[in-house]
Amino acid sequence: MRVTPAAIADVLLLEPKVFGDARGFFLESYNEQVFSDTTDLQVRFVQDNHSRSQRHVLRGMHFQTERPQGKLVRVVAGAVFDVVVDIRRDSPTFGRWVGFELSVDNQRQIWIPPGLAHGFLVLSESADFLYKTTDYYHPASERCLAWNDPFVAIDWPLGSSQPLVSDRDAKGSGLDQL
């Protein structure tokens, strides 16, 4: 697995080895020993989640104030633009974002450490998004950073389209309010 550090500390882009031939492909989507050896991280995943969304759905920017989750995310059908925002006040990259295209074609994964906001925009007709988490979902502490916060200024690849967002995500808070 190839590991590339992102411009935000502790965020990692992971590219597993893909073995393909005329029949299709094989890849090891997660191996605890390989993950640990290549990232120098010791994490325990406790929950797997799967979402399916249609084109232009934007989910995020989510985080939990208590029991924050580290996430290992990937796409198994379609393509998304995946975004991480550093909301750690003591971080030198506070308020900055990084984005990556994740797709069934490129098989990339992103490690998102606990304490960061995360979201994605579906680029294909639909997308199946999988993620492993290091803690259980804790609805009482879930918060949402506004996907369109002008201070963060995420450059979503929307073109002239408007994203489809949930009511909760539409009411996300600005970074200055968190």
N, C-alpha and C. Protein backbone atom coordinates (compact mmCIF):
# COMPACT_ATOMS: atom_id res chain seq x y z
N MET A 1 0.85 -1.17 0.00
CA MET A 1 0.00 0.00 0.00
C MET A 1 0.89 1.23 0.00
N ARG A 2 0.53 2.18 -0.84
CA ARG A 2 1.26 3.45 -0.87
C ARG A 2 0.52 4.45 0.01
N VAL A 3 1.26 5.16 0.86
CA VAL A 3 0.69 6.13 1.79
C VAL A 3 1.28 7.51 1.46
N THR A 4 0.39 8.50 1.27
CA THR A 4 0.82 9.85 0.97
C THR A 4 0.22 10.80 2.01
N PRO A 5 1.04 11.50 2.78
CA PRO A 5 0.50 12.47 3.73
C PRO A 5 -0.17 13.62 3.00
N ALA A 6 -1.29 14.10 3.53
CA ALA A 6 -2.01 15.23 2.94
C ALA A 6 -1.46 16.53 3.52
N ALA A 7 -1.97 17.64 3.03
CA ALA A 7 -1.53 18.96 3.49
C ALA A 7 -2.03 19.28 4.90
N ILE A 8 -2.93 18.47 5.42
CA ILE A 8 -3.38 18.59 6.81
C ILE A 8 -2.73 17.45 7.59
N ALA A 9 -2.08 17.81 8.69
CA ALA A 9 -1.37 16.81 9.50
C ALA A 9 -2.28 15.65 9.88
N ASP A 10 -1.75 14.46 9.74
CA ASP A 10 -2.38 13.21 10.15
C ASP A 10 -3.40 12.66 9.16
N VAL A 11 -3.78 13.41 8.14
CA VAL A 11 -4.67 12.91 7.08
C VAL A 11 -3.79 12.20 6.06
N LEU A 12 -4.19 10.97 5.70
CA LEU A 12 -3.38 10.16 4.79
C LEU A 12 -4.20 9.67 3.61
N LEU A 13 -3.62 9.76 2.42
CA LEU A 13 -4.19 9.15 1.22
C LEU A 13 -3.55 7.78 1.06
N LEU A 14 -4.38 6.76 1.00
CA LEU A 14 -3.90 5.38 0.90
C LEU A 14 -4.27 4.79 -0.45
N GLU A 15 -3.32 4.14 -1.08
CA GLU A 15 -3.56 3.51 -2.37
C GLU A 15 -3.14 2.04 -2.28
N PRO A 16 -4.13 1.15 -2.14
CA PRO A 16 -3.80 -0.27 -2.01
C PRO A 16 -3.30 -0.85 -3.32
N LYS A 17 -2.60 -1.95 -3.22
CA LYS A 17 -2.17 -2.66 -4.42
C LYS A 17 -3.38 -3.33 -5.04
N VAL A 18 -3.57 -3.10 -6.33
CA VAL A 18 -4.69 -3.69 -7.07
C VAL A 18 -4.11 -4.66 -8.08
N PHE A 19 -4.60 -5.89 -8.05
CA PHE A 19 -4.15 -6.92 -8.97
C PHE A 19 -5.27 -7.18 -9.97
N GLY A 20 -5.05 -6.76 -11.21
CA GLY A 20 -6.09 -6.89 -12.22
C GLY A 20 -5.65 -7.72 -13.41
N ASP A 21 -6.64 -8.33 -14.04
CA ASP A 21 -6.42 -9.04 -15.30
C ASP A 21 -7.73 -9.03 -16.07
N ALA A 22 -7.83 -9.84 -17.11
CA ALA A 22 -9.02 -9.85 -17.96
C ALA A 22 -10.29 -10.22 -17.21
N ARG A 23 -10.16 -10.87 -16.07
CA ARG A 23 -11.33 -11.30 -15.29
C ARG A 23 -11.88 -10.20 -14.39
N GLY A 24 -11.04 -9.22 -14.06
CA GLY A 24 -11.44 -8.17 -13.12
C GLY A 24 -10.26 -7.79 -12.25
N PHE A 25 -10.49 -7.61 -10.96
CA PHE A 25 -9.40 -7.23 -10.07
C PHE A 25 -9.59 -7.83 -8.69
N PHE A 26 -8.51 -7.78 -7.92
CA PHE A 26 -8.52 -8.15 -6.52
C PHE A 26 -7.71 -7.12 -5.78
N LEU A 27 -8.20 -6.73 -4.59
CA LEU A 27 -7.41 -5.89 -3.70
C LEU A 27 -7.77 -6.22 -2.27
N GLU A 28 -6.82 -6.00 -1.42
CA GLU A 28 -7.06 -6.16 0.01
C GLU A 28 -7.48 -4.79 0.52
N SER A 29 -8.77 -4.62 0.83
CA SER A 29 -9.27 -3.31 1.22
C SER A 29 -8.83 -2.90 2.62
N TYR A 30 -8.60 -3.87 3.48
CA TYR A 30 -8.08 -3.56 4.80
C TYR A 30 -7.36 -4.77 5.37
N ASN A 31 -6.18 -4.51 5.88
CA ASN A 31 -5.38 -5.51 6.58
C ASN A 31 -4.75 -4.77 7.75
N GLU A 32 -5.11 -5.15 8.97
CA GLU A 32 -4.65 -4.42 10.15
C GLU A 32 -3.13 -4.31 10.20
N GLN A 33 -2.42 -5.38 9.89
CA GLN A 33 -0.96 -5.35 9.97
C GLN A 33 -0.37 -4.43 8.91
N VAL A 34 -0.86 -4.50 7.69
CA VAL A 34 -0.35 -3.63 6.63
C VAL A 34 -0.66 -2.17 6.95
N PHE A 35 -1.89 -1.91 7.41
CA PHE A 35 -2.28 -0.54 7.79
C PHE A 35 -1.34 -0.01 8.87
N SER A 36 -1.12 -0.79 9.90
CA SER A 36 -0.25 -0.38 11.00
C SER A 36 1.19 -0.16 10.53
N ASP A 37 1.71 -1.09 9.74
CA ASP A 37 3.09 -1.00 9.28
C ASP A 37 3.33 0.19 8.36
N THR A 38 2.37 0.50 7.50
CA THR A 38 2.57 1.57 6.51
C THR A 38 2.19 2.94 7.03
N THR A 39 1.36 3.02 8.07
CA THR A 39 0.93 4.32 8.58
C THR A 39 1.52 4.66 9.94
N ASP A 40 2.10 3.67 10.61
CA ASP A 40 2.59 3.81 11.98
C ASP A 40 1.46 4.16 12.95
N LEU A 41 0.24 3.74 12.62
CA LEU A 41 -0.92 3.99 13.48
C LEU A 41 -1.42 2.68 14.07
N GLN A 42 -1.82 2.76 15.31
CA GLN A 42 -2.45 1.63 15.98
C GLN A 42 -3.90 2.04 16.25
N VAL A 43 -4.81 1.61 15.40
CA VAL A 43 -6.22 1.97 15.57
C VAL A 43 -7.07 0.71 15.66
N ARG A 44 -8.19 0.87 16.29
CA ARG A 44 -9.14 -0.23 16.41
C ARG A 44 -10.45 0.25 15.81
N PHE A 45 -10.90 -0.41 14.76
CA PHE A 45 -12.17 -0.05 14.14
C PHE A 45 -13.30 -0.82 14.81
N VAL A 46 -14.40 -0.11 15.12
CA VAL A 46 -15.51 -0.73 15.85
C VAL A 46 -16.82 -0.72 15.07
N GLN A 47 -16.86 -0.01 13.95
CA GLN A 47 -18.12 0.10 13.21
C GLN A 47 -17.81 0.30 11.74
N ASP A 48 -18.58 -0.37 10.87
CA ASP A 48 -18.51 -0.15 9.43
C ASP A 48 -19.83 0.46 8.98
N ASN A 49 -19.75 1.48 8.10
CA ASN A 49 -20.93 2.16 7.59
C ASN A 49 -20.91 2.14 6.07
N HIS A 50 -22.11 2.18 5.48
CA HIS A 50 -22.27 2.15 4.03
C HIS A 50 -23.37 3.13 3.68
N SER A 51 -23.07 4.06 2.79
CA SER A 51 -24.12 4.97 2.31
C SER A 51 -24.15 4.91 0.79
N ARG A 52 -25.34 5.10 0.25
CA ARG A 52 -25.52 5.21 -1.19
C ARG A 52 -26.21 6.54 -1.45
N SER A 53 -25.69 7.28 -2.41
CA SER A 53 -26.22 8.61 -2.71
C SER A 53 -26.23 8.83 -4.22
N GLN A 54 -27.10 9.71 -4.65
CA GLN A 54 -27.21 10.04 -6.08
C GLN A 54 -26.33 11.25 -6.42
N ARG A 55 -26.20 11.51 -7.72
CA ARG A 55 -25.37 12.62 -8.21
C ARG A 55 -25.75 13.92 -7.52
N HIS A 56 -24.76 14.71 -7.19
CA HIS A 56 -24.86 16.04 -6.57
C HIS A 56 -25.28 16.01 -5.10
N VAL A 57 -25.44 14.82 -4.51
CA VAL A 57 -25.68 14.79 -3.06
C VAL A 57 -24.39 15.18 -2.37
N LEU A 58 -24.53 16.08 -1.42
CA LEU A 58 -23.40 16.52 -0.62
C LEU A 58 -23.73 16.17 0.83
N ARG A 59 -22.89 15.33 1.42
CA ARG A 59 -23.06 14.94 2.82
C ARG A 59 -21.91 15.56 3.61
N GLY A 60 -22.25 16.33 4.63
CA GLY A 60 -21.21 16.89 5.46
C GLY A 60 -21.43 18.35 5.72
N MET A 61 -20.54 18.83 6.45
CA MET A 61 -19.26 18.40 6.96
C MET A 61 -19.45 17.96 8.42
N HIS A 62 -19.39 16.67 8.68
CA HIS A 62 -19.76 16.09 9.97
C HIS A 62 -18.57 15.84 10.88
N PHE A 63 -18.85 15.93 12.18
CA PHE A 63 -17.88 15.56 13.21
C PHE A 63 -18.64 15.36 14.51
N GLN A 64 -17.98 14.76 15.50
CA GLN A 64 -18.57 14.54 16.81
C GLN A 64 -17.71 15.24 17.86
N THR A 65 -18.35 15.97 18.78
CA THR A 65 -17.61 16.68 19.81
C THR A 65 -17.16 15.75 20.93
N GLU A 66 -17.98 14.77 21.25
CA GLU A 66 -17.62 13.74 22.22
C GLU A 66 -17.43 12.44 21.45
N ARG A 67 -16.51 11.65 21.89
CA ARG A 67 -16.24 10.38 21.21
C ARG A 67 -16.01 10.58 19.70
N PRO A 68 -15.09 11.47 19.34
CA PRO A 68 -14.83 11.71 17.91
C PRO A 68 -14.34 10.43 17.22
N GLN A 69 -14.71 10.31 15.98
CA GLN A 69 -14.38 9.10 15.21
C GLN A 69 -13.22 9.34 14.25
N GLY A 70 -12.26 8.43 14.27
CA GLY A 70 -11.32 8.34 13.17
C GLY A 70 -12.03 7.53 12.09
N LYS A 71 -11.77 7.83 10.82
CA LYS A 71 -12.47 7.14 9.73
C LYS A 71 -11.48 6.70 8.65
N LEU A 72 -11.72 5.52 8.13
CA LEU A 72 -11.03 5.04 6.94
C LEU A 72 -12.12 4.92 5.88
N VAL A 73 -12.06 5.78 4.86
CA VAL A 73 -13.16 5.89 3.90
C VAL A 73 -12.73 5.45 2.50
N ARG A 74 -13.72 4.92 1.75
CA ARG A 74 -13.47 4.52 0.36
C ARG A 74 -14.78 4.43 -0.40
N VAL A 75 -14.69 4.36 -1.70
CA VAL A 75 -15.85 4.25 -2.58
C VAL A 75 -15.78 2.90 -3.29
N VAL A 76 -16.91 2.17 -3.31
CA VAL A 76 -16.95 0.87 -3.97
C VAL A 76 -17.82 0.87 -5.22
N ALA A 77 -18.53 1.96 -5.48
CA ALA A 77 -19.28 2.14 -6.72
C ALA A 77 -19.39 3.63 -6.98
N GLY A 78 -19.05 4.07 -8.18
CA GLY A 78 -19.15 5.48 -8.51
C GLY A 78 -17.92 6.28 -8.12
N ALA A 79 -18.15 7.59 -7.90
CA ALA A 79 -17.05 8.50 -7.58
C ALA A 79 -17.57 9.64 -6.72
N VAL A 80 -16.71 10.10 -5.80
CA VAL A 80 -17.03 11.24 -4.96
C VAL A 80 -15.83 12.17 -4.87
N PHE A 81 -16.12 13.42 -4.51
CA PHE A 81 -15.08 14.36 -4.12
C PHE A 81 -15.14 14.40 -2.59
N ASP A 82 -14.11 13.88 -1.94
CA ASP A 82 -14.08 13.71 -0.50
C ASP A 82 -13.28 14.85 0.13
N VAL A 83 -13.82 15.44 1.20
CA VAL A 83 -13.20 16.62 1.79
C VAL A 83 -13.03 16.44 3.30
N VAL A 84 -11.90 16.90 3.80
CA VAL A 84 -11.59 16.92 5.22
C VAL A 84 -11.23 18.36 5.58
N VAL A 85 -11.80 18.85 6.70
CA VAL A 85 -11.49 20.19 7.20
C VAL A 85 -10.89 20.06 8.59
N ASP A 86 -9.79 20.77 8.79
CA ASP A 86 -9.13 20.76 10.10
C ASP A 86 -9.85 21.74 11.02
N ILE A 87 -10.53 21.20 12.04
CA ILE A 87 -11.24 22.05 13.00
C ILE A 87 -10.58 22.00 14.38
N ARG A 88 -9.34 21.51 14.42
CA ARG A 88 -8.58 21.47 15.67
C ARG A 88 -7.97 22.85 15.92
N ARG A 89 -8.50 23.56 16.88
CA ARG A 89 -8.10 24.96 17.14
C ARG A 89 -6.60 25.13 17.36
N ASP A 90 -5.93 24.14 17.91
CA ASP A 90 -4.50 24.25 18.19
C ASP A 90 -3.63 23.80 17.01
N SER A 91 -4.24 23.47 15.89
CA SER A 91 -3.51 22.96 14.73
C SER A 91 -3.01 24.11 13.85
N PRO A 92 -1.81 23.98 13.30
CA PRO A 92 -1.31 25.01 12.38
C PRO A 92 -2.11 25.08 11.08
N THR A 93 -2.90 24.03 10.80
CA THR A 93 -3.72 24.04 9.58
C THR A 93 -5.21 24.23 9.90
N PHE A 94 -5.52 24.80 11.08
CA PHE A 94 -6.90 25.06 11.47
C PHE A 94 -7.62 25.85 10.36
N GLY A 95 -8.81 25.36 9.99
CA GLY A 95 -9.62 26.05 8.99
C GLY A 95 -9.30 25.68 7.55
N ARG A 96 -8.25 24.92 7.33
CA ARG A 96 -7.90 24.51 5.97
C ARG A 96 -8.60 23.21 5.60
N TRP A 97 -8.72 22.98 4.30
CA TRP A 97 -9.35 21.76 3.82
C TRP A 97 -8.47 21.09 2.79
N VAL A 98 -8.67 19.78 2.63
CA VAL A 98 -8.07 19.01 1.55
C VAL A 98 -9.18 18.19 0.91
N GLY A 99 -9.06 17.97 -0.40
CA GLY A 99 -10.06 17.19 -1.11
C GLY A 99 -9.40 16.23 -2.08
N PHE A 100 -10.02 15.06 -2.23
CA PHE A 100 -9.51 14.01 -3.11
C PHE A 100 -10.68 13.36 -3.83
N GLU A 101 -10.46 12.97 -5.07
CA GLU A 101 -11.46 12.14 -5.73
C GLU A 101 -11.22 10.69 -5.33
N LEU A 102 -12.27 10.09 -4.83
CA LEU A 102 -12.26 8.66 -4.51
C LEU A 102 -13.24 7.99 -5.46
N SER A 103 -12.83 6.86 -6.03
CA SER A 103 -13.73 6.19 -6.98
C SER A 103 -13.46 4.69 -7.00
N VAL A 104 -14.40 3.99 -7.59
CA VAL A 104 -14.21 2.55 -7.78
C VAL A 104 -13.03 2.31 -8.74
N ASP A 105 -12.75 3.26 -9.60
CA ASP A 105 -11.65 3.11 -10.55
C ASP A 105 -10.28 3.31 -9.91
N ASN A 106 -10.15 4.33 -9.04
CA ASN A 106 -8.81 4.57 -8.48
C ASN A 106 -8.57 3.84 -7.15
N GLN A 107 -9.62 3.32 -6.52
CA GLN A 107 -9.52 2.51 -5.30
C GLN A 107 -8.79 3.20 -4.14
N ARG A 108 -8.71 4.51 -4.19
CA ARG A 108 -8.06 5.24 -3.10
C ARG A 108 -8.88 5.18 -1.82
N GLN A 109 -8.21 5.36 -0.71
CA GLN A 109 -8.83 5.46 0.61
C GLN A 109 -8.22 6.66 1.32
N ILE A 110 -8.96 7.18 2.29
CA ILE A 110 -8.44 8.28 3.10
C ILE A 110 -8.57 7.91 4.57
N TRP A 111 -7.49 8.12 5.30
CA TRP A 111 -7.54 8.02 6.75
C TRP A 111 -7.79 9.43 7.28
N ILE A 112 -8.85 9.57 8.05
CA ILE A 112 -9.24 10.84 8.66
C ILE A 112 -9.15 10.65 10.17
N PRO A 113 -8.21 11.31 10.83
CA PRO A 113 -8.08 11.13 12.27
C PRO A 113 -9.25 11.75 13.02
N PRO A 114 -9.47 11.32 14.26
CA PRO A 114 -10.53 11.91 15.08
C PRO A 114 -10.34 13.42 15.22
N GLY A 115 -11.46 14.14 15.28
CA GLY A 115 -11.40 15.57 15.53
C GLY A 115 -11.42 16.44 14.29
N LEU A 116 -11.61 15.86 13.12
CA LEU A 116 -11.70 16.63 11.88
C LEU A 116 -13.11 16.52 11.31
N ALA A 117 -13.51 17.51 10.54
CA ALA A 117 -14.83 17.47 9.88
C ALA A 117 -14.66 16.79 8.52
N HIS A 118 -15.68 16.05 8.12
CA HIS A 118 -15.60 15.25 6.90
C HIS A 118 -16.91 15.31 6.13
N GLY A 119 -16.78 15.29 4.81
CA GLY A 119 -17.95 15.23 3.94
C GLY A 119 -17.55 14.86 2.53
N PHE A 120 -18.56 14.66 1.67
CA PHE A 120 -18.27 14.34 0.28
C PHE A 120 -19.41 14.76 -0.63
N LEU A 121 -19.06 14.93 -1.90
CA LEU A 121 -20.00 15.27 -2.97
C LEU A 121 -19.96 14.15 -4.00
N VAL A 122 -21.12 13.64 -4.39
CA VAL A 122 -21.18 12.55 -5.37
C VAL A 122 -21.00 13.13 -6.78
N LEU A 123 -20.04 12.59 -7.51
CA LEU A 123 -19.71 13.04 -8.85
C LEU A 123 -20.36 12.18 -9.94
N SER A 124 -20.64 10.93 -9.64
CA SER A 124 -21.20 9.98 -10.61
C SER A 124 -22.72 9.93 -10.46
N GLU A 125 -23.37 9.12 -11.28
CA GLU A 125 -24.84 8.99 -11.18
C GLU A 125 -25.26 8.58 -9.78
N SER A 126 -24.50 7.69 -9.17
CA SER A 126 -24.69 7.32 -7.77
C SER A 126 -23.34 6.85 -7.25
N ALA A 127 -23.24 6.74 -5.94
CA ALA A 127 -21.98 6.27 -5.34
C ALA A 127 -22.29 5.51 -4.06
N ASP A 128 -21.56 4.42 -3.87
CA ASP A 128 -21.60 3.68 -2.62
C ASP A 128 -20.31 3.99 -1.87
N PHE A 129 -20.49 4.50 -0.67
CA PHE A 129 -19.40 5.01 0.15
C PHE A 129 -19.31 4.16 1.41
N LEU A 130 -18.12 3.60 1.68
CA LEU A 130 -17.92 2.76 2.86
C LEU A 130 -16.92 3.44 3.79
N TYR A 131 -17.18 3.31 5.09
CA TYR A 131 -16.18 3.81 6.02
C TYR A 131 -16.20 3.04 7.33
N LYS A 132 -14.98 2.83 7.81
CA LYS A 132 -14.74 2.19 9.09
C LYS A 132 -14.51 3.31 10.09
N THR A 133 -15.02 3.13 11.34
CA THR A 133 -14.84 4.16 12.35
C THR A 133 -14.19 3.58 13.60
N THR A 134 -13.47 4.46 14.31
CA THR A 134 -12.75 4.06 15.52
C THR A 134 -13.59 4.21 16.78
N ASP A 135 -14.77 4.79 16.66
CA ASP A 135 -15.69 4.87 17.79
C ASP A 135 -17.11 4.76 17.24
N TYR A 136 -18.02 4.49 18.14
CA TYR A 136 -19.42 4.32 17.75
C TYR A 136 -20.07 5.68 17.49
N TYR A 137 -21.06 5.67 16.63
CA TYR A 137 -21.83 6.87 16.35
C TYR A 137 -22.48 7.36 17.66
N HIS A 138 -22.34 8.64 17.93
CA HIS A 138 -22.87 9.25 19.14
C HIS A 138 -23.71 10.45 18.72
N PRO A 139 -25.01 10.22 18.42
CA PRO A 139 -25.84 11.27 17.84
C PRO A 139 -25.92 12.55 18.67
N ALA A 140 -25.86 12.43 19.99
CA ALA A 140 -25.99 13.62 20.84
C ALA A 140 -24.83 14.60 20.65
N SER A 141 -23.68 14.13 20.19
CA SER A 141 -22.53 15.02 20.03
C SER A 141 -22.20 15.29 18.57
N GLU A 142 -23.06 14.85 17.66
CA GLU A 142 -22.78 15.11 16.24
C GLU A 142 -23.03 16.59 15.93
N ARG A 143 -22.10 17.15 15.17
CA ARG A 143 -22.19 18.54 14.75
C ARG A 143 -21.92 18.60 13.26
N CYS A 144 -22.23 19.76 12.69
CA CYS A 144 -22.06 19.93 11.25
C CYS A 144 -21.47 21.30 10.97
N LEU A 145 -20.32 21.32 10.33
CA LEU A 145 -19.73 22.54 9.80
C LEU A 145 -20.42 22.83 8.47
N ALA A 146 -20.79 24.07 8.23
CA ALA A 146 -21.47 24.43 6.98
C ALA A 146 -20.59 24.06 5.78
N TRP A 147 -21.18 23.34 4.85
CA TRP A 147 -20.45 22.88 3.66
C TRP A 147 -19.97 24.06 2.82
N ASN A 148 -20.64 25.21 2.97
CA ASN A 148 -20.31 26.39 2.16
C ASN A 148 -19.78 27.54 3.02
N ASP A 149 -19.18 27.23 4.16
CA ASP A 149 -18.63 28.26 5.03
C ASP A 149 -17.63 29.11 4.25
N PRO A 150 -17.83 30.44 4.20
CA PRO A 150 -16.94 31.28 3.39
C PRO A 150 -15.51 31.36 3.94
N PHE A 151 -15.33 31.15 5.24
CA PHE A 151 -13.98 31.17 5.81
C PHE A 151 -13.18 29.96 5.33
N VAL A 152 -13.81 28.80 5.31
CA VAL A 152 -13.13 27.58 4.86
C VAL A 152 -13.01 27.58 3.34
N ALA A 153 -14.05 28.00 2.65
CA ALA A 153 -14.06 28.18 1.18
C ALA A 153 -13.66 26.91 0.42
N ILE A 154 -14.38 25.83 0.68
CA ILE A 154 -14.14 24.58 -0.06
C ILE A 154 -14.52 24.79 -1.52
N ASP A 155 -13.65 24.37 -2.41
CA ASP A 155 -13.90 24.50 -3.85
C ASP A 155 -14.57 23.22 -4.36
N TRP A 156 -15.85 23.10 -4.07
CA TRP A 156 -16.61 21.92 -4.50
C TRP A 156 -16.74 21.91 -6.02
N PRO A 157 -16.53 20.77 -6.67
CA PRO A 157 -16.65 20.71 -8.14
C PRO A 157 -18.13 20.59 -8.57
N LEU A 158 -18.87 21.66 -8.35
CA LEU A 158 -20.30 21.66 -8.64
C LEU A 158 -20.64 22.24 -10.01
N GLY A 159 -19.74 23.01 -10.60
CA GLY A 159 -20.10 23.70 -11.83
C GLY A 159 -21.27 24.63 -11.55
N SER A 160 -22.29 24.57 -12.39
CA SER A 160 -23.46 25.43 -12.20
C SER A 160 -24.55 24.74 -11.38
N SER A 161 -24.30 23.53 -10.92
CA SER A 161 -25.30 22.76 -10.16
C SER A 161 -25.33 23.19 -8.70
N GLN A 162 -26.46 22.97 -8.08
CA GLN A 162 -26.60 23.15 -6.64
C GLN A 162 -26.56 21.77 -6.00
N PRO A 163 -25.90 21.63 -4.85
CA PRO A 163 -25.86 20.32 -4.21
C PRO A 163 -27.21 19.98 -3.57
N LEU A 164 -27.43 18.68 -3.42
CA LEU A 164 -28.59 18.19 -2.68
C LEU A 164 -28.10 17.89 -1.27
N VAL A 165 -28.61 18.64 -0.30
CA VAL A 165 -28.16 18.48 1.09
C VAL A 165 -29.36 18.21 1.99
N SER A 166 -29.12 17.54 3.10
CA SER A 166 -30.17 17.31 4.09
C SER A 166 -30.49 18.63 4.79
N ASP A 167 -31.63 18.67 5.45
CA ASP A 167 -31.99 19.86 6.22
C ASP A 167 -30.95 20.15 7.28
N ARG A 168 -30.48 19.11 7.94
CA ARG A 168 -29.46 19.28 8.98
C ARG A 168 -28.18 19.87 8.40
N ASP A 169 -27.73 19.33 7.27
CA ASP A 169 -26.50 19.83 6.66
C ASP A 169 -26.67 21.26 6.13
N ALA A 170 -27.86 21.60 5.69
CA ALA A 170 -28.13 22.96 5.21
C ALA A 170 -28.02 23.98 6.35
N LYS A 171 -28.20 23.52 7.58
CA LYS A 171 -28.15 24.41 8.76
C LYS A 171 -26.82 24.32 9.49
N GLY A 172 -25.78 23.85 8.82
CA GLY A 172 -24.48 23.71 9.46
C GLY A 172 -23.95 25.04 9.97
N SER A 173 -23.11 24.98 10.98
CA SER A 173 -22.54 26.18 11.60
C SER A 173 -21.28 26.60 10.88
N GLY A 174 -21.00 27.91 10.96
CA GLY A 174 -19.75 28.42 10.45
C GLY A 174 -18.59 28.04 11.37
N LEU A 175 -17.40 28.04 10.84
CA LEU A 175 -16.22 27.66 11.63
C LEU A 175 -16.08 28.57 12.86
N ASP A 176 -16.43 29.84 12.72
CA ASP A 176 -16.33 30.78 13.84
C ASP A 176 -17.34 30.49 14.94
N GLN A 177 -18.34 29.66 14.68
CA GLN A 177 -19.37 29.33 15.67
C GLN A 177 -19.13 27.99 16.35
N LEU A 178 -18.15 27.23 15.90
CA LEU A 178 -17.93 25.92 16.47
C LEU A 178 -17.25 25.99 17.82
